[in-house]
C-alpha atoms as a PDB file:
ATOM      1  CA  MET A   1      -0.046  -0.054  -0.115  1.00  0.00           C
ATOM      2  CA  GLN A   2       1.367   3.310  -0.785  1.00  0.00           C
ATOM      3  CA  VAL A   3       0.466   6.255   1.324  1.00  0.00           C
ATOM      4  CA  LYS A   4      -0.006   9.712   0.088  1.00  0.00           C
ATOM      5  CA  PRO A   5      -0.095  12.497   2.809  1.00  0.00           C
ATOM      6  CA  LEU A   6      -2.252  15.608   2.434  1.00  0.00           C
ATOM      7  CA  PHE A   7      -1.256  19.200   2.858  1.00  0.00           C
ATOM      8  CA  ASP A   8       1.801  19.722   4.936  1.00  0.00           C
ATOM      9  CA  LYS A   9       2.075  16.135   6.331  1.00  0.00           C
ATOM     10  CA  VAL A  10       5.206  13.879   5.911  1.00  0.00           C
ATOM     11  CA  VAL A  11       5.331  10.176   6.577  1.00  0.00           C
ATOM     12  CA  ILE A  12       8.477   9.112   8.159  1.00  0.00           C
ATOM     13  CA  LYS A  13       9.963   5.741   9.207  1.00  0.00           C
ATOM     14  CA  VAL A  14      12.027   6.017  12.509  1.00  0.00           C
ATOM     15  CA  ILE A  15      15.547   4.803  12.490  1.00  0.00           C
ATOM     16  CA  GLU A  16      15.833   2.468  15.343  1.00  0.00           C
ATOM     17  CA  SER A  17      18.458   3.649  18.068  1.00  0.00           C
ATOM     18  CA  SER A  18      20.873   1.195  19.504  1.00  0.00           C
ATOM     19  CA  GLU A  19      19.889  -1.018  22.401  1.00  0.00           C
ATOM     20  CA  THR A  20      23.322  -0.881  24.283  1.00  0.00           C
ATOM     21  CA  THR A  21      25.207   1.992  25.659  1.00  0.00           C
ATOM     22  CA  GLU A  22      28.841   2.968  24.412  1.00  0.00           C
ATOM     23  CA  SER A  23      30.320   1.056  27.284  1.00  0.00           C
ATOM     24  CA  GLY A  24      28.229  -2.215  26.413  1.00  0.00           C
ATOM     25  CA  ILE A  25      25.457  -1.861  28.882  1.00  0.00           C
ATOM     26  CA  VAL A  26      22.086  -3.399  27.427  1.00  0.00           C
ATOM     27  CA  LEU A  27      19.275  -1.160  27.935  1.00  0.00           C
ATOM     28  CA  PRO A  28      15.719  -2.400  28.429  1.00  0.00           C
ATOM     29  CA  GLY A  29      13.027  -1.061  26.379  1.00  0.00           C
ATOM     30  CA  ALA A  30      11.598   1.298  29.332  1.00  0.00           C
ATOM     31  CA  ALA A  31      14.953   2.798  29.682  1.00  0.00           C
ATOM     32  CA  GLN A  32      15.468   3.766  26.114  1.00  0.00           C
ATOM     33  CA  GLU A  33      14.810   7.282  24.743  1.00  0.00           C
ATOM     34  CA  LYS A  34      12.340   7.503  22.295  1.00  0.00           C
ATOM     35  CA  PRO A  35      14.306   8.086  18.846  1.00  0.00           C
ATOM     36  CA  GLN A  36      14.122  11.341  16.973  1.00  0.00           C
ATOM     37  CA  LEU A  37      15.861  10.554  14.048  1.00  0.00           C
ATOM     38  CA  ALA A  38      13.879   9.310  10.960  1.00  0.00           C
ATOM     39  CA  GLN A  39      14.020   8.703   7.152  1.00  0.00           C
ATOM     40  CA  VAL A  40      11.300  10.653   5.126  1.00  0.00           C
ATOM     41  CA  VAL A  41       8.916   8.189   3.178  1.00  0.00           C
ATOM     42  CA  ALA A  42       6.372  10.451   1.437  1.00  0.00           C
ATOM     43  CA  VAL A  43       5.670  14.102   1.459  1.00  0.00           C
ATOM     44  CA  GLY A  44       2.617  15.915   1.200  1.00  0.00           C
ATOM     45  CA  PRO A  45       1.898  18.708  -1.646  1.00  0.00           C
ATOM     46  CA  GLY A  46       1.880  21.360   0.774  1.00  0.00           C
ATOM     47  CA  GLY A  47      -0.356  24.468  -0.239  1.00  0.00           C
ATOM     48  CA  MET A  48      -2.701  26.652   1.827  1.00  0.00           C
ATOM     49  CA  VAL A  49      -2.517  25.384   5.599  1.00  0.00           C
ATOM     50  CA  ASP A  50      -4.398  27.708   8.268  1.00  0.00           C
ATOM     51  CA  GLY A  51      -4.567  30.400   5.814  1.00  0.00           C
ATOM     52  CA  LYS A  52      -0.756  30.332   4.931  1.00  0.00           C
ATOM     53  CA  GLU A  53       1.017  29.021   1.918  1.00  0.00           C
ATOM     54  CA  VAL A  54       3.100  26.079   2.863  1.00  0.00           C
ATOM     55  CA  VAL A  55       6.225  25.084   0.648  1.00  0.00           C
ATOM     56  CA  MET A  56       7.543  21.497   1.401  1.00  0.00           C
ATOM     57  CA  GLN A  57      11.238  21.736   2.323  1.00  0.00           C
ATOM     58  CA  VAL A  58      11.775  17.897   2.915  1.00  0.00           C
ATOM     59  CA  LYS A  59      11.717  15.253   0.082  1.00  0.00           C
ATOM     60  CA  PRO A  60      11.324  11.294   0.315  1.00  0.00           C
ATOM     61  CA  GLY A  61      14.606   9.788   1.378  1.00  0.00           C
ATOM     62  CA  ASP A  62      16.027  12.648   3.567  1.00  0.00           C
ATOM     63  CA  LYS A  63      16.990  11.921   7.192  1.00  0.00           C
ATOM     64  CA  VAL A  64      15.402  14.519   9.576  1.00  0.00           C
ATOM     65  CA  LEU A  65      15.107  15.012  13.298  1.00  0.00           C
ATOM     66  CA  TYR A  66      11.825  15.804  14.578  1.00  0.00           C
ATOM     67  CA  SER A  67      10.053  16.703  17.801  1.00  0.00           C
ATOM     68  CA  LYS A  68      10.110  13.965  20.423  1.00  0.00           C
ATOM     69  CA  TYR A  69       6.325  13.753  21.109  1.00  0.00           C
ATOM     70  CA  ALA A  70       5.118  14.947  17.841  1.00  0.00           C
ATOM     71  CA  GLY A  71       2.787  12.976  15.051  1.00  0.00           C
ATOM     72  CA  SER A  72       0.459  10.047  15.049  1.00  0.00           C
ATOM     73  CA  GLU A  73       2.002   6.391  14.840  1.00  0.00           C
ATOM     74  CA  PHE A  74       0.455   4.038  12.330  1.00  0.00           C
ATOM     75  CA  LYS A  75       1.382   0.502  11.057  1.00  0.00           C
ATOM     76  CA  ILE A  76       0.969   0.102   7.328  1.00  0.00           C
ATOM     77  CA  ASP A  77       1.901  -3.296   5.644  1.00  0.00           C
ATOM     78  CA  GLY A  78       3.573  -4.496   8.765  1.00  0.00           C
ATOM     79  CA  GLU A  79       5.832  -1.379   9.027  1.00  0.00           C
ATOM     80  CA  GLU A  80       5.502   1.090  11.753  1.00  0.00           C
ATOM     81  CA  VAL A  81       5.421   4.948  10.377  1.00  0.00           C
ATOM     82  CA  VAL A  82       4.655   8.172  12.042  1.00  0.00           C
ATOM     83  CA  ILE A  83       2.810  11.098  10.093  1.00  0.00           C
ATOM     84  CA  VAL A  84       3.827  14.580  11.156  1.00  0.00           C
ATOM     85  CA  ARG A  85       3.479  18.075  10.167  1.00  0.00           C
ATOM     86  CA  GLN A  86       6.478  19.645   8.407  1.00  0.00           C
ATOM     87  CA  ALA A  87       6.524  22.156  11.177  1.00  0.00           C
ATOM     88  CA  ASP A  88       7.441  19.372  13.521  1.00  0.00           C
ATOM     89  CA  ILE A  89      10.566  18.491  11.538  1.00  0.00           C
ATOM     90  CA  LEU A  90      13.503  20.238  13.085  1.00  0.00           C
ATOM     91  CA  ALA A  91      16.403  19.505  10.864  1.00  0.00           C
ATOM     92  CA  VAL A  92      17.546  17.634   7.846  1.00  0.00           C
ATOM     93  CA  VAL A  93      20.626  15.618   8.666  1.00  0.00           C
ATOM     94  CA  ASP A  94      23.268  14.904   6.014  1.00  0.00           C
END
């Protein structure tokens, strides 16, 4: 199934963080921080949102940092994705 986000929405797939610390200590799921690094899967067309023109700044394939508690999580074809507003994306990572 292909997802086509609307307006200023962006579909991202979270890049999982390591389950061990640099010193080799294994962290249980509850002790791990929620990851904030993701890869863009799909981007909406932009347009008029809340009376303002929105131009999309990200494209599929970009690695991005996003706000910790932003977006809504969904499971599509067995993969977990998050749909966020472009404003919730803080930076593009090279």
